[in-house]
Amino acid sequence: MTLKKAMGSLCLCIAFWSPSVFAGVKTIGIYKIEAGKQLQFMQWMAAWDKVYAEIGLAQPQWYRSVRGADWDFVVIYPPFDRAKEAEMERVGKRHGLDIGFRWKLKYWEFVSSQSESLAQGPTSPAVLIRSLAPDSQ
């Protein structure tokens, strides 16, 4: 799925889902990093983690590939706090980090490919089955 299609799908979800549907929804990012750029990517992202901590945003959970599928990192992001976006950019800039379109250009220096999905959980099969009951909607 292209990024444009993914963003379109996300906009439709936001337009039609009630706020209660987003309870527990997180973004899952799967990243393949350019060969030899893994350390610089982690350092860059660690600098942003410091910004998140400074402004009170929850930290993402990182997983690294040990063997298997063709990815380097899976990151589980907490729900994004749009109200903190301007503060995040202000503090990031103060720390010497690129923001706006320059942030995106820096990102593509490291990322060979990526995919992102919205996921709700953690949960269990029993909870998912119960959520299908007519009275749960």
C-alpha atoms as a PDB file:
ATOM      1  CA  MET A   1       0.000   0.000   0.000  1.00  0.00           C
ATOM      2  CA  THR A   2       1.393   3.399  -0.891  1.00  0.00           C
ATOM      3  CA  LEU A   3       1.745   6.112   1.719  1.00  0.00           C
ATOM      4  CA  LYS A   4      -0.900   8.176  -0.089  1.00  0.00           C
ATOM      5  CA  LYS A   5      -3.405   5.301   0.088  1.00  0.00           C
ATOM      6  CA  ALA A   6      -2.524   4.653   3.728  1.00  0.00           C
ATOM      7  CA  MET A   7      -3.099   8.294   4.637  1.00  0.00           C
ATOM      8  CA  GLY A   8      -6.406   8.249   2.776  1.00  0.00           C
ATOM      9  CA  SER A   9      -7.485   5.171   4.705  1.00  0.00           C
ATOM     10  CA  LEU A  10      -6.460   6.796   7.963  1.00  0.00           C
ATOM     11  CA  CYS A  11      -8.472   9.926   7.139  1.00  0.00           C
ATOM     12  CA  LEU A  12     -11.541   7.799   6.403  1.00  0.00           C
ATOM     13  CA  CYS A  13     -11.091   5.973   9.697  1.00  0.00           C
ATOM     14  CA  ILE A  14     -10.867   9.237  11.590  1.00  0.00           C
ATOM     15  CA  ALA A  15     -13.909  10.633   9.807  1.00  0.00           C
ATOM     16  CA  PHE A  16     -16.182   7.653  10.474  1.00  0.00           C
ATOM     17  CA  TRP A  17     -15.020   6.057  13.733  1.00  0.00           C
ATOM     18  CA  SER A  18     -16.245   7.227  17.089  1.00  0.00           C
ATOM     19  CA  PRO A  19     -13.597   8.269  19.666  1.00  0.00           C
ATOM     20  CA  SER A  20     -14.287   5.128  21.716  1.00  0.00           C
ATOM     21  CA  VAL A  21     -13.062   2.998  18.810  1.00  0.00           C
ATOM     22  CA  PHE A  22      -9.613   4.611  19.143  1.00  0.00           C
ATOM     23  CA  ALA A  23      -9.222   3.536  22.781  1.00  0.00           C
ATOM     24  CA  GLY A  24      -5.981   1.592  22.949  1.00  0.00           C
ATOM     25  CA  VAL A  25      -5.125   2.224  19.276  1.00  0.00           C
ATOM     26  CA  LYS A  26      -1.414   2.511  18.608  1.00  0.00           C
ATOM     27  CA  THR A  27       0.691   2.910  15.493  1.00  0.00           C
ATOM     28  CA  ILE A  28       2.970  -0.004  14.663  1.00  0.00           C
ATOM     29  CA  GLY A  29       5.957   0.962  12.502  1.00  0.00           C
ATOM     30  CA  ILE A  30       8.095  -1.623  10.712  1.00  0.00           C
ATOM     31  CA  TYR A  31      11.387  -0.207   9.445  1.00  0.00           C
ATOM     32  CA  LYS A  32      14.100  -1.450   7.109  1.00  0.00           C
ATOM     33  CA  ILE A  33      17.126   0.817   7.505  1.00  0.00           C
ATOM     34  CA  GLU A  34      19.720   1.600   4.841  1.00  0.00           C
ATOM     35  CA  ALA A  35      22.743  -0.713   5.142  1.00  0.00           C
ATOM     36  CA  GLY A  36      25.250   0.654   7.638  1.00  0.00           C
ATOM     37  CA  LYS A  37      22.892   3.390   8.892  1.00  0.00           C
ATOM     38  CA  GLN A  38      21.311   1.500  11.813  1.00  0.00           C
ATOM     39  CA  LEU A  39      23.461   3.127  14.529  1.00  0.00           C
ATOM     40  CA  GLN A  40      22.915   6.659  13.198  1.00  0.00           C
ATOM     41  CA  PHE A  41      19.177   5.990  12.945  1.00  0.00           C
ATOM     42  CA  MET A  42      19.027   4.788  16.559  1.00  0.00           C
ATOM     43  CA  GLN A  43      21.031   7.829  17.731  1.00  0.00           C
ATOM     44  CA  TRP A  44      18.708  10.176  15.840  1.00  0.00           C
ATOM     45  CA  MET A  45      15.607   8.507  17.235  1.00  0.00           C
ATOM     46  CA  ALA A  46      17.117   8.501  20.763  1.00  0.00           C
ATOM     47  CA  ALA A  47      17.524  12.285  20.447  1.00  0.00           C
ATOM     48  CA  TRP A  48      13.810  12.534  19.649  1.00  0.00           C
ATOM     49  CA  ASP A  49      12.994  10.253  22.611  1.00  0.00           C
ATOM     50  CA  LYS A  50      14.703  12.847  24.833  1.00  0.00           C
ATOM     51  CA  VAL A  51      12.462  15.531  23.331  1.00  0.00           C
ATOM     52  CA  TYR A  52       9.363  13.389  23.969  1.00  0.00           C
ATOM     53  CA  ALA A  53      10.418  12.855  27.587  1.00  0.00           C
ATOM     54  CA  GLU A  54      11.089  16.573  28.080  1.00  0.00           C
ATOM     55  CA  ILE A  55       7.596  17.538  26.952  1.00  0.00           C
ATOM     56  CA  GLY A  56       5.849  14.638  28.664  1.00  0.00           C
ATOM     57  CA  LEU A  57       5.049  12.356  25.717  1.00  0.00           C
ATOM     58  CA  ALA A  58       5.028   8.604  26.260  1.00  0.00           C
ATOM     59  CA  GLN A  59       8.025   6.720  24.868  1.00  0.00           C
ATOM     60  CA  PRO A  60       7.676   4.295  21.946  1.00  0.00           C
ATOM     61  CA  GLN A  61       8.513   0.621  22.494  1.00  0.00           C
ATOM     62  CA  TRP A  62      11.335  -0.637  20.258  1.00  0.00           C
ATOM     63  CA  TYR A  63      12.018  -4.155  19.026  1.00  0.00           C
ATOM     64  CA  ARG A  64      15.048  -5.113  16.943  1.00  0.00           C
ATOM     65  CA  SER A  65      15.250  -7.977  14.512  1.00  0.00           C
ATOM     66  CA  VAL A  66      17.431 -10.841  15.655  1.00  0.00           C
ATOM     67  CA  ARG A  67      16.770 -13.067  12.652  1.00  0.00           C
ATOM     68  CA  GLY A  68      13.971 -13.793  10.256  1.00  0.00           C
ATOM     69  CA  ALA A  69      11.925 -11.336   8.244  1.00  0.00           C
ATOM     70  CA  ASP A  70      13.525  -8.478   6.321  1.00  0.00           C
ATOM     71  CA  TRP A  71      13.142  -5.622   8.812  1.00  0.00           C
ATOM     72  CA  ASP A  72      15.446  -3.945  11.329  1.00  0.00           C
ATOM     73  CA  PHE A  73      13.073  -2.424  13.870  1.00  0.00           C
ATOM     74  CA  VAL A  74       9.446  -2.631  14.911  1.00  0.00           C
ATOM     75  CA  VAL A  75       8.288   0.346  16.932  1.00  0.00           C
ATOM     76  CA  ILE A  76       5.015   0.540  18.846  1.00  0.00           C
ATOM     77  CA  TYR A  77       4.072   4.179  19.257  1.00  0.00           C
ATOM     78  CA  PRO A  78       1.649   5.392  21.905  1.00  0.00           C
ATOM     79  CA  PRO A  79      -1.336   7.387  20.620  1.00  0.00           C
ATOM     80  CA  PHE A  80      -0.055  10.636  19.127  1.00  0.00           C
ATOM     81  CA  ASP A  81      -0.840  13.781  21.079  1.00  0.00           C
ATOM     82  CA  ARG A  82      -1.508  16.381  18.370  1.00  0.00           C
ATOM     83  CA  ALA A  83      -1.742  19.089  21.048  1.00  0.00           C
ATOM     84  CA  LYS A  84       1.975  18.547  21.760  1.00  0.00           C
ATOM     85  CA  GLU A  85       3.115  18.740  18.112  1.00  0.00           C
ATOM     86  CA  ALA A  86       4.137  22.425  18.098  1.00  0.00           C
ATOM     87  CA  GLU A  87       5.928  22.022  21.433  1.00  0.00           C
ATOM     88  CA  MET A  88       7.699  18.915  20.123  1.00  0.00           C
ATOM     89  CA  GLU A  89       8.991  20.825  17.094  1.00  0.00           C
ATOM     90  CA  ARG A  90      10.017  23.842  19.202  1.00  0.00           C
ATOM     91  CA  VAL A  91      11.978  21.696  21.684  1.00  0.00           C
ATOM     92  CA  GLY A  92      13.423  19.521  18.905  1.00  0.00           C
ATOM     93  CA  LYS A  93      14.671  22.599  17.081  1.00  0.00           C
ATOM     94  CA  ARG A  94      16.205  23.897  20.329  1.00  0.00           C
ATOM     95  CA  HIS A  95      18.070  20.574  20.582  1.00  0.00           C
ATOM     96  CA  GLY A  96      19.408  21.035  17.047  1.00  0.00           C
ATOM     97  CA  LEU A  97      17.075  18.522  15.393  1.00  0.00           C
ATOM     98  CA  ASP A  98      15.521  19.068  11.992  1.00  0.00           C
ATOM     99  CA  ILE A  99      11.787  19.737  11.894  1.00  0.00           C
ATOM    100  CA  GLY A 100       9.135  19.954   9.204  1.00  0.00           C
ATOM    101  CA  PHE A 101      10.220  18.884   5.724  1.00  0.00           C
ATOM    102  CA  ARG A 102      13.884  18.802   6.803  1.00  0.00           C
ATOM    103  CA  TRP A 103      12.857  16.127   9.342  1.00  0.00           C
ATOM    104  CA  LYS A 104      11.402  14.045   6.509  1.00  0.00           C
ATOM    105  CA  LEU A 105      14.554  14.426   4.403  1.00  0.00           C
ATOM    106  CA  LYS A 106      16.648  13.262   7.381  1.00  0.00           C
ATOM    107  CA  TYR A 107      14.269  10.333   7.913  1.00  0.00           C
ATOM    108  CA  TRP A 108      14.772   9.135   4.326  1.00  0.00           C
ATOM    109  CA  GLU A 109      18.565   9.229   4.788  1.00  0.00           C
ATOM    110  CA  PHE A 110      18.070   6.272   7.131  1.00  0.00           C
ATOM    111  CA  VAL A 111      14.907   4.450   6.095  1.00  0.00           C
ATOM    112  CA  SER A 112      15.034   2.122   3.127  1.00  0.00           C
ATOM    113  CA  SER A 113      11.400   1.044   3.505  1.00  0.00           C
ATOM    114  CA  GLN A 114       8.698   1.242   6.119  1.00  0.00           C
ATOM    115  CA  SER A 115       5.124   0.328   6.754  1.00  0.00           C
ATOM    116  CA  GLU A 116       2.769   1.493   9.432  1.00  0.00           C
ATOM    117  CA  SER A 117      -0.473   0.086  10.709  1.00  0.00           C
ATOM    118  CA  LEU A 118      -2.978   1.044  13.361  1.00  0.00           C
ATOM    119  CA  ALA A 119      -3.514  -1.687  15.928  1.00  0.00           C
ATOM    120  CA  GLN A 120      -5.776  -1.957  18.949  1.00  0.00           C
ATOM    121  CA  GLY A 121      -4.689  -3.960  21.968  1.00  0.00           C
ATOM    122  CA  PRO A 122      -3.340  -5.723  23.778  1.00  0.00           C
ATOM    123  CA  THR A 123      -6.324  -8.018  23.770  1.00  0.00           C
ATOM    124  CA  SER A 124      -7.234 -11.697  23.543  1.00  0.00           C
ATOM    125  CA  PRO A 125      -9.376 -13.817  21.225  1.00  0.00           C
ATOM    126  CA  ALA A 126     -12.061 -14.067  23.940  1.00  0.00           C
ATOM    127  CA  VAL A 127     -12.309 -10.271  24.237  1.00  0.00           C
ATOM    128  CA  LEU A 128     -12.478  -9.892  20.466  1.00  0.00           C
ATOM    129  CA  ILE A 129     -15.287 -12.465  20.270  1.00  0.00           C
ATOM    130  CA  ARG A 130     -17.223 -10.677  23.031  1.00  0.00           C
ATOM    131  CA  SER A 131     -16.830  -7.392  21.134  1.00  0.00           C
ATOM    132  CA  LEU A 132     -18.887  -8.895  18.298  1.00  0.00           C
ATOM    133  CA  ALA A 133     -21.996  -9.179  20.468  1.00  0.00           C
ATOM    134  CA  PRO A 134     -24.784  -6.852  19.244  1.00  0.00           C
ATOM    135  CA  ASP A 135     -25.042  -5.091  22.625  1.00  0.00           C
ATOM    136  CA  SER A 136     -21.317  -4.169  22.645  1.00  0.00           C
ATOM    137  CA  GLN A 137     -21.626  -1.684  19.777  1.00  0.00           C
END
